[in-house]
Amino acid sequence: MKKLDGKVALVTGASMGIGEAIARVFAADGARLALAARSLDKLEALARSLPTEAIAIQSDVSQAEEIRAMVARTVDHFGRLDILVNNAAVGMYASVAEMKPDQFEHLLATNWLAPVRAIQAAVPHMRKQGGGTIINISSVAGKVALPWMGAYCASKFALNALSNSLRMELKPENIHVISVCPGRVKTPFIENAYKDFATQPLYPGGISAERVARAVLRAVHRRKREIVVPANNRLFGWLHGLFPALVDRAIVWVLRPQMRKGGSGL
């Protein structure tokens, strides 16, 4: 018997990247899936390719009413909701002083407010069932801030703090909270990120989305509090805690040539 047999998982941002990979590994482990994103055609194609029952839900998680409808449809269809994966996110490559306020507001609505709203919609159902799991896909950039990514980093720092508070609040009700902090991942994330006139995304690279998804599945089985993928990125945070000024200088020295057009200046 597969460990997620009988479980229902709702995955946001499921049309590509980490969300799609999580959907595939969860389905392979027996879970039934509610797949949410804005791209309905991609979701429907993914749902057809999975070995378990799956439904596609077109949803823009920056909109509160669409989040409520997304959770309601999941429960109406499957009769329960065991695992909520808050994965949908948008990136931003811009200096804090020059980023556009409307883009920043949309980023926060997607990266932080959306998980809050999804959690508030899902928790009552989990309470009625006697438990559940909430998985928040954060980032190593939510543990150590990076220059020219301040908005994105702020949203992920906030998501990590939310996860830590929520874990303590919900533990007595058998609702477990997992924070997932990947490093750089090979996904279309960069293509869909906001960018200002002077900043360019990091060079392509990193680990596969499938590697992150497999780590998430292990974390569910082992009821982990937090995972960092790959694990050696924990060293980055540890060094920053010991030598913050030195690590800050090293980060700027490495990233400025990659991220600033012309390779100089702030």
C-alpha atoms as a PDB file:
ATOM      1  CA  MET A   1       0.000   0.000   0.000  1.00  0.00           C
ATOM      2  CA  LYS A   2       1.317   3.455  -0.922  1.00  0.00           C
ATOM      3  CA  LYS A   3       1.692   5.882   1.962  1.00  0.00           C
ATOM      4  CA  LEU A   4      -0.534   8.604   0.497  1.00  0.00           C
ATOM      5  CA  ASP A   5      -3.337   6.256  -0.564  1.00  0.00           C
ATOM      6  CA  GLY A   6      -6.666   7.871   0.313  1.00  0.00           C
ATOM      7  CA  LYS A   7      -5.129  11.310   0.858  1.00  0.00           C
ATOM      8  CA  VAL A   8      -6.202  14.405  -1.062  1.00  0.00           C
ATOM      9  CA  ALA A   9      -3.619  17.087  -1.849  1.00  0.00           C
ATOM     10  CA  LEU A  10      -4.236  20.568  -3.225  1.00  0.00           C
ATOM     11  CA  VAL A  11      -1.193  22.014  -5.003  1.00  0.00           C
ATOM     12  CA  THR A  12      -1.056  25.643  -6.119  1.00  0.00           C
ATOM     13  CA  GLY A  13       1.206  26.673  -8.973  1.00  0.00           C
ATOM     14  CA  ALA A  14       0.845  23.114 -10.273  1.00  0.00           C
ATOM     15  CA  SER A  15       1.125  23.875 -13.992  1.00  0.00           C
ATOM     16  CA  MET A  16       4.937  23.855 -14.053  1.00  0.00           C
ATOM     17  CA  GLY A  17       8.151  23.622 -12.078  1.00  0.00           C
ATOM     18  CA  ILE A  18       8.115  22.534  -8.452  1.00  0.00           C
ATOM     19  CA  GLY A  19       4.318  22.386  -8.279  1.00  0.00           C
ATOM     20  CA  GLU A  20       4.058  20.030 -11.235  1.00  0.00           C
ATOM     21  CA  ALA A  21       6.857  17.860  -9.867  1.00  0.00           C
ATOM     22  CA  ILE A  22       5.184  17.634  -6.447  1.00  0.00           C
ATOM     23  CA  ALA A  23       1.908  16.643  -8.093  1.00  0.00           C
ATOM     24  CA  ARG A  24       3.660  13.820  -9.958  1.00  0.00           C
ATOM     25  CA  VAL A  25       5.489  12.361  -6.948  1.00  0.00           C
ATOM     26  CA  PHE A  26       2.413  12.651  -4.722  1.00  0.00           C
ATOM     27  CA  ALA A  27       0.268  10.908  -7.342  1.00  0.00           C
ATOM     28  CA  ALA A  28       2.878   8.151  -7.692  1.00  0.00           C
ATOM     29  CA  ASP A  29       2.573   7.661  -3.923  1.00  0.00           C
ATOM     30  CA  GLY A  30      -1.197   7.285  -4.153  1.00  0.00           C
ATOM     31  CA  ALA A  31      -2.557  10.786  -3.465  1.00  0.00           C
ATOM     32  CA  ARG A  32      -5.513  12.225  -5.337  1.00  0.00           C
ATOM     33  CA  LEU A  33      -4.804  15.728  -6.586  1.00  0.00           C
ATOM     34  CA  ALA A  34      -6.469  19.096  -6.966  1.00  0.00           C
ATOM     35  CA  LEU A  35      -4.218  21.046  -9.326  1.00  0.00           C
ATOM     36  CA  ALA A  36      -4.488  24.835  -9.213  1.00  0.00           C
ATOM     37  CA  ALA A  37      -2.915  27.513 -11.404  1.00  0.00           C
ATOM     38  CA  ARG A  38      -3.903  30.103 -13.999  1.00  0.00           C
ATOM     39  CA  SER A  39      -3.053  27.908 -17.021  1.00  0.00           C
ATOM     40  CA  LEU A  40      -6.032  25.568 -17.313  1.00  0.00           C
ATOM     41  CA  ASP A  41      -4.780  23.753 -20.422  1.00  0.00           C
ATOM     42  CA  LYS A  42      -1.517  22.785 -18.718  1.00  0.00           C
ATOM     43  CA  LEU A  43      -3.365  21.633 -15.609  1.00  0.00           C
ATOM     44  CA  GLU A  44      -5.751  19.494 -17.622  1.00  0.00           C
ATOM     45  CA  ALA A  45      -2.871  17.875 -19.494  1.00  0.00           C
ATOM     46  CA  LEU A  46      -1.102  17.165 -16.201  1.00  0.00           C
ATOM     47  CA  ALA A  47      -4.280  15.730 -14.652  1.00  0.00           C
ATOM     48  CA  ARG A  48      -4.706  13.323 -17.575  1.00  0.00           C
ATOM     49  CA  SER A  49      -1.110  12.128 -17.233  1.00  0.00           C
ATOM     50  CA  LEU A  50      -1.304  11.225 -13.532  1.00  0.00           C
ATOM     51  CA  PRO A  51      -1.923   7.654 -12.317  1.00  0.00           C
ATOM     52  CA  THR A  52      -4.502   8.770  -9.730  1.00  0.00           C
ATOM     53  CA  GLU A  53      -7.653  10.891  -9.826  1.00  0.00           C
ATOM     54  CA  ALA A  54      -6.917  14.577 -10.373  1.00  0.00           C
ATOM     55  CA  ILE A  55      -8.930  17.696 -11.121  1.00  0.00           C
ATOM     56  CA  ALA A  56      -7.779  20.959 -12.680  1.00  0.00           C
ATOM     57  CA  ILE A  57      -8.835  24.222 -11.037  1.00  0.00           C
ATOM     58  CA  GLN A  58      -8.108  27.467 -12.840  1.00  0.00           C
ATOM     59  CA  SER A  59      -7.231  29.933 -10.103  1.00  0.00           C
ATOM     60  CA  ASP A  60      -5.369  33.196  -9.680  1.00  0.00           C
ATOM     61  CA  VAL A  61      -4.156  32.988  -6.096  1.00  0.00           C
ATOM     62  CA  SER A  62      -3.582  36.732  -5.900  1.00  0.00           C
ATOM     63  CA  GLN A  63      -7.388  36.996  -5.701  1.00  0.00           C
ATOM     64  CA  ALA A  64      -8.944  36.119  -2.334  1.00  0.00           C
ATOM     65  CA  GLU A  65     -12.269  34.923  -3.738  1.00  0.00           C
ATOM     66  CA  GLU A  66     -10.531  32.537  -6.146  1.00  0.00           C
ATOM     67  CA  ILE A  67      -8.597  30.966  -3.293  1.00  0.00           C
ATOM     68  CA  ARG A  68     -11.779  30.326  -1.333  1.00  0.00           C
ATOM     69  CA  ALA A  69     -13.404  28.833  -4.428  1.00  0.00           C
ATOM     70  CA  MET A  70     -10.331  26.658  -5.074  1.00  0.00           C
ATOM     71  CA  VAL A  71     -10.443  25.097  -1.605  1.00  0.00           C
ATOM     72  CA  ALA A  72     -14.232  24.727  -1.706  1.00  0.00           C
ATOM     73  CA  ARG A  73     -14.138  22.924  -5.048  1.00  0.00           C
ATOM     74  CA  THR A  74     -11.460  20.537  -3.782  1.00  0.00           C
ATOM     75  CA  VAL A  75     -13.528  19.578  -0.751  1.00  0.00           C
ATOM     76  CA  ASP A  76     -16.765  19.403  -2.754  1.00  0.00           C
ATOM     77  CA  HIS A  77     -15.179  17.027  -5.265  1.00  0.00           C
ATOM     78  CA  PHE A  78     -13.131  14.763  -2.994  1.00  0.00           C
ATOM     79  CA  GLY A  79     -14.967  15.187   0.309  1.00  0.00           C
ATOM     80  CA  ARG A  80     -11.805  16.081   2.190  1.00  0.00           C
ATOM     81  CA  LEU A  81      -8.470  17.925   2.078  1.00  0.00           C
ATOM     82  CA  ASP A  82      -5.451  16.306   3.712  1.00  0.00           C
ATOM     83  CA  ILE A  83      -2.482  18.197   2.277  1.00  0.00           C
ATOM     84  CA  LEU A  84      -2.266  21.837   1.212  1.00  0.00           C
ATOM     85  CA  VAL A  85       0.829  22.772  -0.800  1.00  0.00           C
ATOM     86  CA  ASN A  86       1.286  26.547  -1.053  1.00  0.00           C
ATOM     87  CA  ASN A  87       3.662  26.648  -3.993  1.00  0.00           C
ATOM     88  CA  ALA A  88       2.505  29.434  -6.341  1.00  0.00           C
ATOM     89  CA  ALA A  89       4.933  32.354  -6.350  1.00  0.00           C
ATOM     90  CA  VAL A  90       6.257  35.179  -8.468  1.00  0.00           C
ATOM     91  CA  GLY A  91       9.825  36.484  -8.479  1.00  0.00           C
ATOM     92  CA  MET A  92      11.254  39.966  -8.761  1.00  0.00           C
ATOM     93  CA  TYR A  93      14.716  41.068  -9.848  1.00  0.00           C
ATOM     94  CA  ALA A  94      14.848  44.736  -8.923  1.00  0.00           C
ATOM     95  CA  SER A  95      16.469  47.079  -6.450  1.00  0.00           C
ATOM     96  CA  VAL A  96      14.225  48.002  -3.536  1.00  0.00           C
ATOM     97  CA  ALA A  97      14.625  51.704  -4.288  1.00  0.00           C
ATOM     98  CA  GLU A  98      13.483  51.301  -7.901  1.00  0.00           C
ATOM     99  CA  MET A  99      10.939  48.467  -7.886  1.00  0.00           C
ATOM    100  CA  LYS A 100       7.407  49.331  -8.997  1.00  0.00           C
ATOM    101  CA  PRO A 101       4.893  49.446  -6.137  1.00  0.00           C
ATOM    102  CA  ASP A 102       2.129  47.691  -8.091  1.00  0.00           C
ATOM    103  CA  GLN A 103       4.462  44.802  -8.944  1.00  0.00           C
ATOM    104  CA  PHE A 104       5.573  44.554  -5.315  1.00  0.00           C
ATOM    105  CA  GLU A 105       1.954  44.469  -4.156  1.00  0.00           C
ATOM    106  CA  HIS A 106       1.145  41.675  -6.618  1.00  0.00           C
ATOM    107  CA  LEU A 107       4.208  39.738  -5.468  1.00  0.00           C
ATOM    108  CA  LEU A 108       3.100  39.978  -1.831  1.00  0.00           C
ATOM    109  CA  ALA A 109      -0.458  39.012  -2.749  1.00  0.00           C
ATOM    110  CA  THR A 110       0.841  35.886  -4.498  1.00  0.00           C
ATOM    111  CA  ASN A 111       3.768  34.863  -2.288  1.00  0.00           C
ATOM    112  CA  TRP A 112       2.448  35.668   1.184  1.00  0.00           C
ATOM    113  CA  LEU A 113      -1.202  36.676   1.304  1.00  0.00           C
ATOM    114  CA  ALA A 114      -2.228  33.735  -0.888  1.00  0.00           C
ATOM    115  CA  PRO A 115      -0.775  31.124   1.496  1.00  0.00           C
ATOM    116  CA  VAL A 116      -2.430  32.895   4.438  1.00  0.00           C
ATOM    117  CA  ARG A 117      -5.806  32.873   2.699  1.00  0.00           C
ATOM    118  CA  ALA A 118      -5.449  29.269   1.550  1.00  0.00           C
ATOM    119  CA  ILE A 119      -4.525  28.195   5.072  1.00  0.00           C
ATOM    120  CA  GLN A 120      -7.529  29.994   6.536  1.00  0.00           C
ATOM    121  CA  ALA A 121      -9.798  28.307   3.996  1.00  0.00           C
ATOM    122  CA  ALA A 122      -8.278  24.834   4.463  1.00  0.00           C
ATOM    123  CA  VAL A 123      -7.788  24.591   8.224  1.00  0.00           C
ATOM    124  CA  PRO A 124     -11.504  24.301   9.144  1.00  0.00           C
ATOM    125  CA  HIS A 125     -11.772  21.217   6.911  1.00  0.00           C
ATOM    126  CA  MET A 126      -8.610  19.710   8.390  1.00  0.00           C
ATOM    127  CA  ARG A 127      -9.943  20.295  11.881  1.00  0.00           C
ATOM    128  CA  LYS A 128     -13.156  18.423  11.050  1.00  0.00           C
ATOM    129  CA  GLN A 129     -11.082  15.503   9.701  1.00  0.00           C
ATOM    130  CA  GLY A 130      -8.866  15.397  12.778  1.00  0.00           C
ATOM    131  CA  GLY A 131      -5.662  16.551  11.109  1.00  0.00           C
ATOM    132  CA  GLY A 132      -3.756  17.424   7.972  1.00  0.00           C
ATOM    133  CA  THR A 133      -0.524  18.776   6.555  1.00  0.00           C
ATOM    134  CA  ILE A 134       0.311  22.271   5.305  1.00  0.00           C
ATOM    135  CA  ILE A 135       3.408  22.638   3.123  1.00  0.00           C
ATOM    136  CA  ASN A 136       4.724  26.119   2.421  1.00  0.00           C
ATOM    137  CA  ILE A 137       7.258  26.315  -0.405  1.00  0.00           C
ATOM    138  CA  SER A 138       9.639  29.038   0.686  1.00  0.00           C
ATOM    139  CA  SER A 139      13.288  29.516  -0.319  1.00  0.00           C
ATOM    140  CA  VAL A 140      16.843  29.720   0.959  1.00  0.00           C
ATOM    141  CA  ALA A 141      16.342  33.388   0.010  1.00  0.00           C
ATOM    142  CA  GLY A 142      13.885  33.443   2.909  1.00  0.00           C
ATOM    143  CA  LYS A 143      16.742  32.664   5.281  1.00  0.00           C
ATOM    144  CA  VAL A 144      19.554  34.783   3.822  1.00  0.00           C
ATOM    145  CA  ALA A 145      18.575  37.910   1.878  1.00  0.00           C
ATOM    146  CA  LEU A 146      20.064  38.644  -1.530  1.00  0.00           C
ATOM    147  CA  PRO A 147      20.638  42.030  -3.169  1.00  0.00           C
ATOM    148  CA  TRP A 148      18.379  43.044  -6.067  1.00  0.00           C
ATOM    149  CA  MET A 149      15.853  40.464  -4.888  1.00  0.00           C
ATOM    150  CA  GLY A 150      14.663  42.283  -1.777  1.00  0.00           C
ATOM    151  CA  ALA A 151      10.939  42.006  -2.510  1.00  0.00           C
ATOM    152  CA  TYR A 152      11.079  38.276  -3.176  1.00  0.00           C
ATOM    153  CA  CYS A 153      13.309  37.654  -0.153  1.00  0.00           C
ATOM    154  CA  ALA A 154      10.974  39.668   2.092  1.00  0.00           C
ATOM    155  CA  SER A 155       7.988  37.579   1.012  1.00  0.00           C
ATOM    156  CA  LYS A 156       9.841  34.337   1.738  1.00  0.00           C
ATOM    157  CA  PHE A 157      11.179  35.535   5.117  1.00  0.00           C
ATOM    158  CA  ALA A 158       7.565  36.347   5.981  1.00  0.00           C
ATOM    159  CA  LEU A 159       6.399  32.925   4.795  1.00  0.00           C
ATOM    160  CA  ASN A 160       9.004  31.193   6.973  1.00  0.00           C
ATOM    161  CA  ALA A 161       7.880  33.192  10.007  1.00  0.00           C
ATOM    162  CA  LEU A 162       4.266  32.342   9.219  1.00  0.00           C
ATOM    163  CA  SER A 163       5.118  28.641   9.030  1.00  0.00           C
ATOM    164  CA  ASN A 164       6.902  28.717  12.376  1.00  0.00           C
ATOM    165  CA  SER A 165       4.026  30.439  14.152  1.00  0.00           C
ATOM    166  CA  LEU A 166       1.411  28.270  12.473  1.00  0.00           C
ATOM    167  CA  ARG A 167       3.225  25.066  13.410  1.00  0.00           C
ATOM    168  CA  MET A 168       3.017  25.914  17.104  1.00  0.00           C
ATOM    169  CA  GLU A 169      -0.620  26.977  16.848  1.00  0.00           C
ATOM    170  CA  LEU A 170      -1.877  23.914  14.989  1.00  0.00           C
ATOM    171  CA  LYS A 171       0.214  21.108  16.497  1.00  0.00           C
ATOM    172  CA  PRO A 172      -2.379  20.345  19.222  1.00  0.00           C
ATOM    173  CA  GLU A 173      -4.948  19.772  16.446  1.00  0.00           C
ATOM    174  CA  ASN A 174      -2.756  17.265  14.562  1.00  0.00           C
ATOM    175  CA  ILE A 175      -2.165  19.682  11.669  1.00  0.00           C
ATOM    176  CA  HIS A 176       1.497  19.550  10.751  1.00  0.00           C
ATOM    177  CA  VAL A 177       3.329  22.421   9.022  1.00  0.00           C
ATOM    178  CA  ILE A 178       6.391  21.947   6.823  1.00  0.00           C
ATOM    179  CA  SER A 179       8.554  24.767   5.484  1.00  0.00           C
ATOM    180  CA  VAL A 180      10.462  23.920   2.292  1.00  0.00           C
ATOM    181  CA  CYS A 181      13.488  26.054   1.420  1.00  0.00           C
ATOM    182  CA  PRO A 182      14.998  25.191  -1.960  1.00  0.00           C
ATOM    183  CA  GLY A 183      18.083  26.855  -3.361  1.00  0.00           C
ATOM    184  CA  ARG A 184      18.275  27.588  -7.074  1.00  0.00           C
ATOM    185  CA  VAL A 185      15.987  25.314  -9.077  1.00  0.00           C
ATOM    186  CA  LYS A 186      15.798  24.770 -12.830  1.00  0.00           C
ATOM    187  CA  THR A 187      12.255  25.980 -13.559  1.00  0.00           C
ATOM    188  CA  PRO A 188      10.578  28.666 -15.732  1.00  0.00           C
ATOM    189  CA  PHE A 189      10.498  30.870 -12.607  1.00  0.00           C
ATOM    190  CA  ILE A 190      12.994  33.365 -14.038  1.00  0.00           C
ATOM    191  CA  GLU A 191      11.019  33.830 -17.244  1.00  0.00           C
ATOM    192  CA  ASN A 192       7.897  34.890 -15.344  1.00  0.00           C
ATOM    193  CA  ALA A 193       9.598  37.148 -12.790  1.00  0.00           C
ATOM    194  CA  TYR A 194       9.365  40.913 -12.656  1.00  0.00           C
ATOM    195  CA  LYS A 195      12.566  42.732 -13.660  1.00  0.00           C
ATOM    196  CA  ASP A 196      13.576  46.390 -13.465  1.00  0.00           C
ATOM    197  CA  PHE A 197      15.542  48.272 -16.125  1.00  0.00           C
ATOM    198  CA  ALA A 198      18.949  47.677 -14.512  1.00  0.00           C
ATOM    199  CA  THR A 199      18.669  44.127 -13.174  1.00  0.00           C
ATOM    200  CA  GLN A 200      18.826  40.764 -14.897  1.00  0.00           C
ATOM    201  CA  PRO A 201      18.071  37.310 -13.450  1.00  0.00           C
ATOM    202  CA  LEU A 202      20.747  34.977 -12.186  1.00  0.00           C
ATOM    203  CA  TYR A 203      22.359  32.671 -14.707  1.00  0.00           C
ATOM    204  CA  PRO A 204      20.319  29.483 -15.279  1.00  0.00           C
ATOM    205  CA  GLY A 205      21.289  26.598 -13.061  1.00  0.00           C
ATOM    206  CA  GLY A 206      20.480  24.770  -9.879  1.00  0.00           C
ATOM    207  CA  ILE A 207      18.867  21.481  -8.948  1.00  0.00           C
ATOM    208  CA  SER A 208      15.887  19.857 -10.639  1.00  0.00           C
ATOM    209  CA  ALA A 209      12.298  20.424  -9.559  1.00  0.00           C
ATOM    210  CA  GLU A 210      11.989  16.639  -9.260  1.00  0.00           C
ATOM    211  CA  ARG A 211      14.703  16.595  -6.604  1.00  0.00           C
ATOM    212  CA  VAL A 212      12.786  19.163  -4.582  1.00  0.00           C
ATOM    213  CA  ALA A 213       9.553  17.198  -4.986  1.00  0.00           C
ATOM    214  CA  ARG A 214      11.132  13.961  -3.769  1.00  0.00           C
ATOM    215  CA  ALA A 215      12.479  15.798  -0.720  1.00  0.00           C
ATOM    216  CA  VAL A 216       9.002  17.197  -0.022  1.00  0.00           C
ATOM    217  CA  LEU A 217       7.468  13.720  -0.167  1.00  0.00           C
ATOM    218  CA  ARG A 218      10.081  12.411   2.301  1.00  0.00           C
ATOM    219  CA  ALA A 219       9.355  15.357   4.588  1.00  0.00           C
ATOM    220  CA  VAL A 220       5.647  14.481   4.579  1.00  0.00           C
ATOM    221  CA  HIS A 221       6.363  10.856   5.492  1.00  0.00           C
ATOM    222  CA  ARG A 222       8.841  11.816   8.216  1.00  0.00           C
ATOM    223  CA  ARG A 223       6.834  14.825   9.498  1.00  0.00           C
ATOM    224  CA  LYS A 224       9.770  17.178   9.148  1.00  0.00           C
ATOM    225  CA  ARG A 225       9.472  20.751  10.387  1.00  0.00           C
ATOM    226  CA  GLU A 226      11.686  22.287   7.714  1.00  0.00           C
ATOM    227  CA  ILE A 227      13.821  21.067   4.854  1.00  0.00           C
ATOM    228  CA  VAL A 228      16.538  22.854   2.895  1.00  0.00           C
ATOM    229  CA  VAL A 229      17.180  21.466  -0.589  1.00  0.00           C
ATOM    230  CA  PRO A 230      19.965  20.748  -1.279  1.00  0.00           C
ATOM    231  CA  ALA A 231      20.952  20.253   2.348  1.00  0.00           C
ATOM    232  CA  ASN A 232      24.380  21.867   1.872  1.00  0.00           C
ATOM    233  CA  ASN A 233      22.628  25.231   1.584  1.00  0.00           C
ATOM    234  CA  ARG A 234      22.237  25.097   5.359  1.00  0.00           C
ATOM    235  CA  LEU A 235      25.943  25.953   5.498  1.00  0.00           C
ATOM    236  CA  PHE A 236      25.179  29.225   3.723  1.00  0.00           C
ATOM    237  CA  GLY A 237      22.767  30.270   6.477  1.00  0.00           C
ATOM    238  CA  TRP A 238      25.104  29.082   9.203  1.00  0.00           C
ATOM    239  CA  LEU A 239      28.007  31.109   7.820  1.00  0.00           C
ATOM    240  CA  HIS A 240      25.831  34.187   7.439  1.00  0.00           C
ATOM    241  CA  GLY A 241      24.792  33.901  11.076  1.00  0.00           C
ATOM    242  CA  LEU A 242      28.428  33.798  12.187  1.00  0.00           C
ATOM    243  CA  PHE A 243      29.957  36.304   9.754  1.00  0.00           C
ATOM    244  CA  PRO A 244      27.112  38.456   8.360  1.00  0.00           C
ATOM    245  CA  ALA A 245      29.180  41.379   7.071  1.00  0.00           C
ATOM    246  CA  LEU A 246      31.745  39.124   5.406  1.00  0.00           C
ATOM    247  CA  VAL A 247      29.074  36.973   3.754  1.00  0.00           C
ATOM    248  CA  ASP A 248      27.168  40.090   2.609  1.00  0.00           C
ATOM    249  CA  ARG A 249      30.285  41.374   0.852  1.00  0.00           C
ATOM    250  CA  ALA A 250      30.878  37.989  -0.749  1.00  0.00           C
ATOM    251  CA  ILE A 251      27.272  37.827  -1.983  1.00  0.00           C
ATOM    252  CA  VAL A 252      27.513  41.258  -3.609  1.00  0.00           C
ATOM    253  CA  TRP A 253      30.892  40.409  -5.148  1.00  0.00           C
ATOM    254  CA  VAL A 254      29.460  37.237  -6.712  1.00  0.00           C
ATOM    255  CA  LEU A 255      26.053  38.540  -7.758  1.00  0.00           C
ATOM    256  CA  ARG A 256      26.767  42.043  -9.058  1.00  0.00           C
ATOM    257  CA  PRO A 257      28.433  40.860 -12.303  1.00  0.00           C
ATOM    258  CA  GLN A 258      25.542  38.438 -12.902  1.00  0.00           C
ATOM    259  CA  MET A 259      22.575  40.583 -11.947  1.00  0.00           C
ATOM    260  CA  ARG A 260      23.438  44.202 -12.708  1.00  0.00           C
ATOM    261  CA  LYS A 261      23.465  45.230 -16.340  1.00  0.00           C
ATOM    262  CA  GLY A 262      26.957  46.495 -17.019  1.00  0.00           C
ATOM    263  CA  GLY A 263      28.277  44.544 -14.023  1.00  0.00           C
ATOM    264  CA  SER A 264      28.859  47.537 -11.786  1.00  0.00           C
ATOM    265  CA  GLY A 265      27.044  49.944  -9.536  1.00  0.00           C
ATOM    266  CA  LEU A 266      24.098  49.348  -7.249  1.00  0.00           C
END
